Amino acid sequence: MGKVRITQVRSAIRRPADQKRTLIALGLKKLHKTREVDESPAVLGMIRKVEHLLKVEKV
């Protein structure tokens, strides 16, 4: 599978605890931080859960 570049563009403040934990599991702790992650079904599910807080790009 390929890679996906994810960037946190919205704050996790006033979000449910499970969404905060999902961002941390994806490796995003601060705004405007970017990570490249492998495109696996588990990671895509986590991205879908918090996609309103992220900018997602195919690499």
N, C-alpha and C. Protein backbone atom coordinates (compact mmCIF):
# COMPACT_ATOMS: atom_id res chain seq x y z
N MET A 1 0.83 -1.18 0.00
CA MET A 1 0.00 0.00 0.00
C MET A 1 0.88 1.25 0.00
N GLY A 2 0.27 2.37 -0.27
CA GLY A 2 1.00 3.61 -0.38
C GLY A 2 1.11 4.36 0.94
N LYS A 3 1.48 5.60 0.82
CA LYS A 3 1.62 6.46 1.99
C LYS A 3 0.60 7.60 1.91
N VAL A 4 0.27 8.14 3.07
CA VAL A 4 -0.65 9.26 3.18
C VAL A 4 0.02 10.31 4.06
N ARG A 5 -0.05 11.57 3.64
CA ARG A 5 0.47 12.68 4.45
C ARG A 5 -0.72 13.33 5.14
N ILE A 6 -0.67 13.36 6.48
CA ILE A 6 -1.75 13.95 7.25
C ILE A 6 -1.22 15.14 8.03
N THR A 7 -2.01 16.21 8.07
CA THR A 7 -1.65 17.43 8.79
C THR A 7 -2.84 17.83 9.64
N GLN A 8 -2.58 18.11 10.91
CA GLN A 8 -3.66 18.57 11.79
C GLN A 8 -3.89 20.05 11.54
N VAL A 9 -5.12 20.41 11.14
CA VAL A 9 -5.44 21.80 10.81
C VAL A 9 -6.48 22.40 11.76
N ARG A 10 -7.11 21.59 12.58
CA ARG A 10 -8.07 22.11 13.55
C ARG A 10 -7.72 21.54 14.92
N SER A 11 -8.07 22.29 15.95
CA SER A 11 -7.71 21.95 17.31
C SER A 11 -8.55 20.79 17.84
N ALA A 12 -7.97 20.06 18.79
CA ALA A 12 -8.68 18.97 19.46
C ALA A 12 -9.39 19.45 20.73
N ILE A 13 -9.28 20.74 21.01
CA ILE A 13 -9.96 21.29 22.19
C ILE A 13 -11.48 21.17 21.99
N ARG A 14 -12.17 20.81 23.03
CA ARG A 14 -13.63 20.63 23.02
C ARG A 14 -14.08 19.51 22.09
N ARG A 15 -13.23 18.51 21.92
CA ARG A 15 -13.57 17.31 21.15
C ARG A 15 -13.68 16.13 22.13
N PRO A 16 -14.41 15.10 21.76
CA PRO A 16 -14.50 13.92 22.63
C PRO A 16 -13.13 13.29 22.87
N ALA A 17 -13.00 12.63 23.99
CA ALA A 17 -11.73 12.03 24.39
C ALA A 17 -11.24 10.99 23.37
N ASP A 18 -12.16 10.24 22.75
CA ASP A 18 -11.73 9.23 21.79
C ASP A 18 -11.11 9.88 20.55
N GLN A 19 -11.57 11.06 20.16
CA GLN A 19 -10.96 11.74 19.01
C GLN A 19 -9.58 12.27 19.38
N LYS A 20 -9.41 12.75 20.61
CA LYS A 20 -8.10 13.20 21.06
C LYS A 20 -7.10 12.05 21.06
N ARG A 21 -7.55 10.90 21.56
CA ARG A 21 -6.67 9.72 21.60
C ARG A 21 -6.32 9.25 20.19
N THR A 22 -7.26 9.38 19.26
CA THR A 22 -7.01 8.97 17.88
C THR A 22 -5.93 9.86 17.25
N LEU A 23 -5.99 11.16 17.49
CA LEU A 23 -4.95 12.06 16.97
C LEU A 23 -3.59 11.70 17.53
N ILE A 24 -3.52 11.40 18.82
CA ILE A 24 -2.24 11.03 19.43
C ILE A 24 -1.75 9.71 18.83
N ALA A 25 -2.65 8.77 18.60
CA ALA A 25 -2.26 7.49 18.00
C ALA A 25 -1.73 7.67 16.58
N LEU A 26 -2.24 8.68 15.89
CA LEU A 26 -1.73 8.99 14.54
C LEU A 26 -0.41 9.76 14.60
N GLY A 27 0.01 10.18 15.79
CA GLY A 27 1.27 10.89 15.95
C GLY A 27 1.14 12.40 15.82
N LEU A 28 -0.07 12.92 15.97
CA LEU A 28 -0.30 14.36 15.85
C LEU A 28 -0.64 14.92 17.22
N LYS A 29 0.20 15.84 17.70
CA LYS A 29 -0.02 16.41 19.02
C LYS A 29 -0.25 17.91 18.99
N LYS A 30 0.17 18.58 17.92
CA LYS A 30 0.04 20.03 17.83
C LYS A 30 -0.52 20.41 16.47
N LEU A 31 -1.05 21.61 16.38
CA LEU A 31 -1.58 22.10 15.12
C LEU A 31 -0.46 22.25 14.09
N HIS A 32 -0.80 22.02 12.85
CA HIS A 32 0.07 22.21 11.69
C HIS A 32 1.28 21.29 11.70
N LYS A 33 1.20 20.18 12.43
CA LYS A 33 2.24 19.16 12.38
C LYS A 33 1.83 18.14 11.33
N THR A 34 2.82 17.63 10.61
CA THR A 34 2.57 16.71 9.50
C THR A 34 3.28 15.39 9.74
N ARG A 35 2.62 14.31 9.33
CA ARG A 35 3.22 12.98 9.38
C ARG A 35 2.87 12.23 8.12
N GLU A 36 3.77 11.36 7.71
CA GLU A 36 3.47 10.43 6.62
C GLU A 36 3.29 9.05 7.24
N VAL A 37 2.16 8.44 6.97
CA VAL A 37 1.84 7.14 7.53
C VAL A 37 1.50 6.17 6.40
N ASP A 38 1.71 4.88 6.68
CA ASP A 38 1.35 3.86 5.70
C ASP A 38 -0.17 3.76 5.59
N GLU A 39 -0.62 3.48 4.41
CA GLU A 39 -2.05 3.42 4.11
C GLU A 39 -2.56 2.01 4.39
N SER A 40 -2.91 1.73 5.64
CA SER A 40 -3.46 0.43 6.02
C SER A 40 -4.92 0.62 6.42
N PRO A 41 -5.69 -0.45 6.45
CA PRO A 41 -7.10 -0.31 6.83
C PRO A 41 -7.29 0.30 8.22
N ALA A 42 -6.42 -0.04 9.17
CA ALA A 42 -6.54 0.50 10.52
C ALA A 42 -6.28 2.00 10.53
N VAL A 43 -5.25 2.43 9.84
CA VAL A 43 -4.91 3.85 9.79
C VAL A 43 -5.98 4.63 9.04
N LEU A 44 -6.49 4.09 7.96
CA LEU A 44 -7.54 4.78 7.21
C LEU A 44 -8.80 4.93 8.05
N GLY A 45 -9.09 3.96 8.90
CA GLY A 45 -10.23 4.06 9.81
C GLY A 45 -10.03 5.16 10.83
N MET A 46 -8.81 5.28 11.36
CA MET A 46 -8.52 6.36 12.31
C MET A 46 -8.62 7.72 11.64
N ILE A 47 -8.12 7.81 10.41
CA ILE A 47 -8.19 9.08 9.67
C ILE A 47 -9.65 9.45 9.43
N ARG A 48 -10.47 8.48 9.06
CA ARG A 48 -11.89 8.75 8.80
C ARG A 48 -12.60 9.26 10.05
N LYS A 49 -12.17 8.79 11.21
CA LYS A 49 -12.81 9.18 12.46
C LYS A 49 -12.56 10.66 12.80
N VAL A 50 -11.39 11.18 12.41
CA VAL A 50 -11.04 12.57 12.75
C VAL A 50 -10.74 13.39 11.50
N GLU A 51 -11.31 13.03 10.37
CA GLU A 51 -10.99 13.72 9.11
C GLU A 51 -11.41 15.18 9.11
N HIS A 52 -12.34 15.56 9.97
CA HIS A 52 -12.76 16.96 10.06
C HIS A 52 -11.69 17.82 10.74
N LEU A 53 -10.68 17.20 11.33
CA LEU A 53 -9.59 17.93 11.98
C LEU A 53 -8.30 17.89 11.16
N LEU A 54 -8.30 17.16 10.05
CA LEU A 54 -7.08 16.89 9.30
C LEU A 54 -7.17 17.38 7.86
N LYS A 55 -5.98 17.53 7.26
CA LYS A 55 -5.84 17.67 5.81
C LYS A 55 -5.11 16.43 5.36
N VAL A 56 -5.67 15.69 4.41
CA VAL A 56 -5.12 14.41 3.99
C VAL A 56 -4.70 14.51 2.53
N GLU A 57 -3.47 14.04 2.23
CA GLU A 57 -2.95 14.04 0.86
C GLU A 57 -2.30 12.70 0.57
N LYS A 58 -2.49 12.20 -0.64
CA LYS A 58 -1.78 11.01 -1.09
C LYS A 58 -0.34 11.40 -1.39
N VAL A 59 0.59 10.50 -1.08
CA VAL A 59 2.01 10.78 -1.36
C VAL A 59 2.45 9.94 -2.54
